[in-house]
Amino acid sequence: MENLDDSDMKLKRGFSVILKEDPKGQADLVQKVLPGWSKVDKSKIHVKDISGYGGSKTFLVSCETAEPSKIVLHSRDMSCSDT
């Protein structure tokens, strides 16, 4: 897997309203913000919940025809505190 440096990272706003219980919303998010996913067939996108036991959610989003073919999304539970 190719490593990306910080210059490749861009903040995307306006997606915090996607519910973490909504796999279609997670797939749509990836398709909208990653150039290598913009033209893939939505029916080929798979979302798997790989969360642990905390309140946050982690999703593996994959599509064989996308670049990169797998990414991970983390949705933090804002009711949890780091204090």
N, C-alpha and C. Protein backbone atom coordinates (compact mmCIF):
# COMPACT_ATOMS: atom_id res chain seq x y z
N MET A 1 0.84 -1.17 0.00
CA MET A 1 0.00 0.00 0.00
C MET A 1 0.89 1.24 0.00
N GLU A 2 0.52 2.21 -0.79
CA GLU A 2 1.27 3.44 -0.90
C GLU A 2 1.04 4.31 0.32
N ASN A 3 2.12 4.87 0.84
CA ASN A 3 2.01 5.80 1.96
C ASN A 3 1.81 7.20 1.43
N LEU A 4 0.92 7.95 2.06
CA LEU A 4 0.66 9.32 1.66
C LEU A 4 1.32 10.27 2.64
N ASP A 5 1.89 11.35 2.13
CA ASP A 5 2.43 12.35 3.05
C ASP A 5 1.33 13.38 3.35
N ASP A 6 1.61 14.28 4.27
CA ASP A 6 0.60 15.25 4.71
C ASP A 6 0.07 16.13 3.58
N SER A 7 0.88 16.36 2.54
CA SER A 7 0.43 17.22 1.45
C SER A 7 -0.71 16.58 0.66
N ASP A 8 -0.87 15.26 0.77
CA ASP A 8 -1.96 14.57 0.09
C ASP A 8 -3.27 14.62 0.86
N MET A 9 -3.23 15.05 2.11
CA MET A 9 -4.41 15.05 2.96
C MET A 9 -5.16 16.37 2.83
N LYS A 10 -6.47 16.28 2.68
CA LYS A 10 -7.31 17.46 2.60
C LYS A 10 -8.51 17.27 3.52
N LEU A 11 -8.83 18.31 4.27
CA LEU A 11 -9.99 18.29 5.15
C LEU A 11 -11.24 18.47 4.30
N LYS A 12 -12.21 17.61 4.49
CA LYS A 12 -13.48 17.70 3.78
C LYS A 12 -14.56 18.02 4.80
N ARG A 13 -15.23 19.13 4.60
CA ARG A 13 -16.27 19.56 5.54
C ARG A 13 -17.66 19.19 5.02
N GLY A 14 -18.63 19.15 5.94
CA GLY A 14 -20.01 18.96 5.58
C GLY A 14 -20.49 17.51 5.64
N PHE A 15 -19.66 16.62 6.17
CA PHE A 15 -20.03 15.22 6.22
C PHE A 15 -20.27 14.72 7.64
N SER A 16 -20.20 15.60 8.62
CA SER A 16 -20.37 15.16 10.00
C SER A 16 -21.81 14.79 10.35
N VAL A 17 -22.74 15.05 9.43
CA VAL A 17 -24.13 14.70 9.68
C VAL A 17 -24.46 13.26 9.29
N ILE A 18 -23.50 12.56 8.68
CA ILE A 18 -23.74 11.17 8.31
C ILE A 18 -23.77 10.33 9.56
N LEU A 19 -24.85 9.61 9.75
CA LEU A 19 -24.98 8.77 10.93
C LEU A 19 -24.02 7.59 10.86
N LYS A 20 -23.39 7.28 11.97
CA LYS A 20 -22.46 6.15 11.96
C LYS A 20 -23.17 4.81 11.83
N GLU A 21 -24.48 4.79 11.97
CA GLU A 21 -25.26 3.57 11.78
C GLU A 21 -25.71 3.41 10.32
N ASP A 22 -25.24 4.30 9.42
CA ASP A 22 -25.69 4.34 8.03
C ASP A 22 -24.57 3.90 7.08
N PRO A 23 -24.49 2.59 6.76
CA PRO A 23 -23.42 2.12 5.86
C PRO A 23 -23.47 2.76 4.47
N LYS A 24 -24.68 3.01 3.94
CA LYS A 24 -24.78 3.65 2.63
C LYS A 24 -24.20 5.07 2.69
N GLY A 25 -24.45 5.76 3.78
CA GLY A 25 -23.89 7.10 3.97
C GLY A 25 -22.37 7.07 4.03
N GLN A 26 -21.80 6.05 4.67
CA GLN A 26 -20.34 5.91 4.74
C GLN A 26 -19.78 5.67 3.33
N ALA A 27 -20.44 4.82 2.55
CA ALA A 27 -20.01 4.54 1.18
C ALA A 27 -20.11 5.80 0.32
N ASP A 28 -21.20 6.55 0.46
CA ASP A 28 -21.37 7.79 -0.30
C ASP A 28 -20.28 8.80 0.04
N LEU A 29 -19.94 8.89 1.31
CA LEU A 29 -18.88 9.79 1.75
C LEU A 29 -17.57 9.49 1.03
N VAL A 30 -17.18 8.23 1.04
CA VAL A 30 -15.92 7.84 0.40
C VAL A 30 -15.97 8.15 -1.09
N GLN A 31 -17.08 7.86 -1.72
CA GLN A 31 -17.20 8.08 -3.16
C GLN A 31 -17.13 9.57 -3.50
N LYS A 32 -17.64 10.41 -2.63
CA LYS A 32 -17.64 11.86 -2.89
C LYS A 32 -16.29 12.52 -2.64
N VAL A 33 -15.51 12.02 -1.69
CA VAL A 33 -14.29 12.74 -1.32
C VAL A 33 -13.00 12.15 -1.88
N LEU A 34 -13.00 10.90 -2.31
CA LEU A 34 -11.79 10.29 -2.84
C LEU A 34 -11.85 10.22 -4.37
N PRO A 35 -10.93 10.87 -5.06
CA PRO A 35 -10.96 10.89 -6.52
C PRO A 35 -10.96 9.49 -7.14
N GLY A 36 -10.23 8.55 -6.58
CA GLY A 36 -10.15 7.20 -7.13
C GLY A 36 -11.41 6.38 -6.93
N TRP A 37 -12.41 6.95 -6.27
CA TRP A 37 -13.68 6.25 -6.00
C TRP A 37 -14.85 6.92 -6.72
N SER A 38 -14.65 8.04 -7.34
CA SER A 38 -15.77 8.84 -7.86
C SER A 38 -16.58 8.16 -8.95
N LYS A 39 -15.98 7.27 -9.72
CA LYS A 39 -16.70 6.66 -10.84
C LYS A 39 -16.99 5.17 -10.64
N VAL A 40 -16.76 4.67 -9.44
CA VAL A 40 -17.02 3.24 -9.22
C VAL A 40 -18.53 2.98 -9.10
N ASP A 41 -18.92 1.79 -9.43
CA ASP A 41 -20.30 1.35 -9.32
C ASP A 41 -20.65 1.22 -7.83
N LYS A 42 -21.64 1.97 -7.37
CA LYS A 42 -22.01 1.96 -5.95
C LYS A 42 -22.34 0.56 -5.44
N SER A 43 -22.86 -0.29 -6.30
CA SER A 43 -23.21 -1.64 -5.86
C SER A 43 -21.97 -2.49 -5.57
N LYS A 44 -20.80 -2.02 -5.99
CA LYS A 44 -19.54 -2.76 -5.75
C LYS A 44 -18.82 -2.31 -4.48
N ILE A 45 -19.36 -1.28 -3.82
CA ILE A 45 -18.75 -0.76 -2.58
C ILE A 45 -19.27 -1.56 -1.39
N HIS A 46 -18.36 -2.06 -0.59
CA HIS A 46 -18.71 -2.84 0.60
C HIS A 46 -18.26 -2.09 1.85
N VAL A 47 -19.14 -2.04 2.84
CA VAL A 47 -18.83 -1.39 4.11
C VAL A 47 -18.97 -2.43 5.21
N LYS A 48 -17.90 -2.59 5.99
CA LYS A 48 -17.91 -3.56 7.09
C LYS A 48 -17.57 -2.84 8.40
N ASP A 49 -18.38 -3.04 9.39
CA ASP A 49 -18.15 -2.47 10.72
C ASP A 49 -17.05 -3.30 11.40
N ILE A 50 -15.90 -2.69 11.65
CA ILE A 50 -14.79 -3.38 12.31
C ILE A 50 -14.49 -2.74 13.66
N SER A 51 -15.52 -2.17 14.27
CA SER A 51 -15.38 -1.47 15.54
C SER A 51 -15.02 -2.42 16.67
N GLY A 52 -14.42 -1.84 17.69
CA GLY A 52 -14.14 -2.58 18.91
C GLY A 52 -15.33 -2.48 19.84
N TYR A 53 -15.06 -2.32 21.11
CA TYR A 53 -16.13 -2.32 22.12
C TYR A 53 -16.44 -0.95 22.68
N GLY A 54 -15.79 0.12 22.19
CA GLY A 54 -16.07 1.46 22.68
C GLY A 54 -17.29 2.04 21.98
N GLY A 55 -17.55 3.30 22.21
CA GLY A 55 -18.71 3.95 21.62
C GLY A 55 -18.49 4.44 20.20
N SER A 56 -17.23 4.55 19.79
CA SER A 56 -16.93 5.01 18.43
C SER A 56 -17.11 3.87 17.44
N LYS A 57 -17.14 4.21 16.15
CA LYS A 57 -17.30 3.21 15.10
C LYS A 57 -16.12 3.30 14.13
N THR A 58 -15.71 2.15 13.61
CA THR A 58 -14.67 2.07 12.60
C THR A 58 -15.19 1.19 11.47
N PHE A 59 -15.07 1.69 10.24
CA PHE A 59 -15.58 0.98 9.09
C PHE A 59 -14.46 0.71 8.09
N LEU A 60 -14.43 -0.51 7.55
CA LEU A 60 -13.58 -0.85 6.42
C LEU A 60 -14.45 -0.70 5.18
N VAL A 61 -14.06 0.21 4.29
CA VAL A 61 -14.79 0.44 3.06
C VAL A 61 -13.92 -0.07 1.93
N SER A 62 -14.47 -0.95 1.10
CA SER A 62 -13.65 -1.56 0.05
C SER A 62 -14.40 -1.64 -1.27
N CYS A 63 -13.61 -1.62 -2.34
CA CYS A 63 -14.12 -1.78 -3.70
C CYS A 63 -12.93 -2.17 -4.58
N GLU A 64 -13.02 -3.32 -5.22
CA GLU A 64 -11.90 -3.83 -6.00
C GLU A 64 -11.49 -2.90 -7.14
N THR A 65 -12.43 -2.14 -7.69
CA THR A 65 -12.11 -1.29 -8.84
C THR A 65 -11.71 0.13 -8.45
N ALA A 66 -11.67 0.44 -7.15
CA ALA A 66 -11.31 1.78 -6.69
C ALA A 66 -9.81 1.85 -6.39
N GLU A 67 -9.31 3.08 -6.30
CA GLU A 67 -7.90 3.29 -5.92
C GLU A 67 -7.84 4.33 -4.82
N PRO A 68 -7.42 4.01 -3.63
CA PRO A 68 -7.02 2.68 -3.16
C PRO A 68 -8.25 1.78 -2.99
N SER A 69 -8.04 0.50 -2.99
CA SER A 69 -9.18 -0.44 -2.97
C SER A 69 -9.79 -0.62 -1.59
N LYS A 70 -9.07 -0.22 -0.55
CA LYS A 70 -9.59 -0.31 0.82
C LYS A 70 -9.20 0.94 1.59
N ILE A 71 -10.15 1.44 2.37
CA ILE A 71 -9.86 2.55 3.27
C ILE A 71 -10.60 2.28 4.59
N VAL A 72 -10.20 3.00 5.62
CA VAL A 72 -10.84 2.87 6.93
C VAL A 72 -11.37 4.24 7.34
N LEU A 73 -12.61 4.25 7.79
CA LEU A 73 -13.23 5.46 8.34
C LEU A 73 -13.43 5.26 9.83
N HIS A 74 -13.13 6.29 10.60
CA HIS A 74 -13.35 6.23 12.04
C HIS A 74 -14.33 7.34 12.41
N SER A 75 -15.39 6.97 13.10
CA SER A 75 -16.40 7.91 13.55
C SER A 75 -16.37 7.95 15.07
N ARG A 76 -15.89 9.03 15.61
CA ARG A 76 -15.70 9.16 17.05
C ARG A 76 -17.02 9.44 17.76
N ASP A 77 -17.24 8.78 18.87
CA ASP A 77 -18.41 9.04 19.71
C ASP A 77 -18.11 10.30 20.52
N MET A 78 -18.79 11.38 20.19
CA MET A 78 -18.50 12.68 20.84
C MET A 78 -18.95 12.72 22.29
N SER A 79 -19.70 11.73 22.75
CA SER A 79 -20.09 11.72 24.16
C SER A 79 -18.97 11.17 25.05
N CYS A 80 -17.97 10.54 24.43
CA CYS A 80 -16.81 10.04 25.18
C CYS A 80 -15.82 11.18 25.37
N SER A 81 -15.18 11.21 26.49
CA SER A 81 -14.23 12.27 26.80
C SER A 81 -12.85 11.71 26.99
N ASP A 82 -11.83 12.48 26.61
CA ASP A 82 -10.44 12.07 26.79
C ASP A 82 -9.88 12.55 28.13
N THR A 83 -10.70 13.10 28.98
CA THR A 83 -10.20 13.64 30.24
C THR A 83 -10.02 12.57 31.27
